[in-house]
Amino acid sequence: MSGEVGIFINEDASDDPVVVLSTSDVVGEMDVIANPPRSATLRAQGAVRCLRILADDFMNLIRDNPEVSLSVLRQIVDRLTHTAQVLEALKREQANASSPQAS
């Protein structure tokens, strides 16, 4: 509802956040939908006010409201796209670091 939440890959959240979520972003939806292993740590970036929706209520909300389902799907796609871009950039950096430098 207000504030920002940092998403960190390492469990102790000691590095810079991979991404920062803010008002109207959804977190935890993948756990409710598919229950995958946890892939990130969240840490408030200052004061945060959020709305907690219980898993059953969330499932009912997306089942009964196509516009909410579409919004959640768009956020998931945006995150997956961002993750793919970050991984591709890391792959290029590693390739450049391991290739011999021209003299």
Protein backbone atom coordinates (compact mmCIF):
# COMPACT_ATOMS: atom_id res chain seq x y z
CA MET A 1 0.00 0.00 0.00
CA SER A 2 2.98 2.26 0.66
CA GLY A 3 6.75 2.04 0.90
CA GLU A 4 9.28 -0.13 -0.88
CA VAL A 5 10.44 -3.71 -0.46
CA GLY A 6 13.83 -4.91 -1.71
CA ILE A 7 14.12 -8.35 -3.28
CA PHE A 8 17.43 -10.07 -2.51
CA ILE A 9 18.85 -13.30 -3.88
CA ASN A 10 21.08 -13.99 -0.88
CA GLU A 11 19.33 -14.98 2.34
CA ASP A 12 21.05 -12.42 4.56
CA ALA A 13 20.01 -9.56 2.21
CA SER A 14 23.49 -8.03 2.50
CA ASP A 15 24.00 -6.97 -1.14
CA ASP A 16 22.00 -4.45 -3.13
CA PRO A 17 18.47 -5.59 -3.97
CA VAL A 18 17.95 -7.21 -7.35
CA VAL A 19 14.76 -5.20 -7.69
CA VAL A 20 12.69 -2.91 -5.50
CA LEU A 21 8.92 -3.32 -5.41
CA SER A 22 6.55 -0.54 -4.43
CA THR A 23 2.88 0.38 -4.24
CA SER A 24 0.51 -2.07 -5.97
CA ASP A 25 3.21 -4.71 -6.57
CA VAL A 26 2.33 -8.23 -5.48
CA VAL A 27 4.69 -10.54 -3.57
CA GLY A 28 4.22 -14.15 -2.55
CA GLU A 29 1.75 -14.97 -5.31
CA MET A 30 3.94 -17.71 -6.81
CA ASP A 31 4.07 -19.49 -3.46
CA VAL A 32 0.28 -19.46 -3.21
CA ILE A 33 -0.21 -20.60 -6.81
CA ALA A 34 2.51 -23.26 -7.14
CA ASN A 35 4.41 -23.54 -3.81
CA PRO A 36 7.91 -23.59 -5.37
CA PRO A 37 11.06 -23.49 -3.22
CA ARG A 38 11.73 -20.00 -1.92
CA SER A 39 13.95 -18.08 -4.33
CA ALA A 40 14.42 -14.70 -2.67
CA THR A 41 14.45 -12.71 0.55
CA LEU A 42 12.37 -9.57 1.00
CA ARG A 43 13.41 -6.65 3.19
CA ALA A 44 11.54 -3.43 3.83
CA GLN A 45 13.35 -0.36 2.53
CA GLY A 46 12.05 1.95 5.25
CA ALA A 47 8.47 2.15 6.45
CA VAL A 48 6.13 -0.23 4.59
CA ARG A 49 2.40 -0.63 4.84
CA CYS A 50 1.09 -3.75 3.11
CA LEU A 51 -2.09 -5.71 2.67
CA ARG A 52 -1.91 -9.38 3.58
CA ILE A 53 -4.27 -11.68 1.72
CA LEU A 54 -4.68 -15.24 2.96
CA ALA A 55 -3.93 -17.97 0.41
CA ASP A 56 -7.53 -19.17 0.10
CA ASP A 57 -8.80 -15.61 -0.27
CA PHE A 58 -6.15 -14.88 -2.92
CA MET A 59 -7.09 -17.98 -4.91
CA ASN A 60 -10.76 -17.01 -4.74
CA LEU A 61 -9.89 -13.46 -5.79
CA ILE A 62 -7.99 -14.53 -8.92
CA ARG A 63 -10.54 -17.24 -9.74
CA ASP A 64 -13.51 -14.86 -9.52
CA ASN A 65 -11.90 -11.72 -11.02
CA PRO A 66 -10.29 -12.09 -14.45
CA GLU A 67 -8.91 -8.53 -14.30
CA VAL A 68 -7.06 -9.35 -11.07
CA SER A 69 -5.76 -12.60 -12.57
CA LEU A 70 -4.49 -10.74 -15.61
CA SER A 71 -2.77 -8.13 -13.44
CA VAL A 72 -1.03 -10.83 -11.39
CA LEU A 73 0.01 -12.69 -14.55
CA ARG A 74 1.46 -9.49 -16.02
CA GLN A 75 3.53 -8.92 -12.88
CA ILE A 76 4.83 -12.48 -13.01
CA VAL A 77 5.72 -12.12 -16.70
CA ASP A 78 7.45 -8.79 -16.00
CA ARG A 79 9.54 -10.40 -13.25
CA LEU A 80 10.44 -13.39 -15.42
CA THR A 81 11.41 -11.07 -18.28
CA HIS A 82 13.57 -8.99 -15.95
CA THR A 83 15.20 -12.13 -14.55
CA ALA A 84 15.97 -13.41 -18.05
CA GLN A 85 17.55 -10.05 -18.95
CA VAL A 86 19.70 -10.06 -15.81
CA LEU A 87 20.83 -13.64 -16.47
CA GLU A 88 21.69 -12.80 -20.08
CA ALA A 89 23.74 -9.76 -18.96
CA LEU A 90 25.60 -11.93 -16.41
CA LYS A 91 26.28 -14.53 -19.07
CA ARG A 92 27.74 -11.86 -21.38
CA GLU A 93 29.88 -10.46 -18.55
CA GLN A 94 31.25 -13.92 -17.78
CA ALA A 95 31.97 -14.58 -21.45
CA ASN A 96 33.79 -11.25 -21.77
CA ALA A 97 35.77 -11.88 -18.59
CA SER A 98 36.92 -15.31 -19.74
CA SER A 99 37.80 -14.36 -23.32
CA PRO A 100 41.43 -13.37 -24.01
CA GLN A 101 41.98 -9.62 -24.32
CA ALA A 102 43.41 -8.31 -27.59
CA SER A 103 46.74 -6.52 -27.15
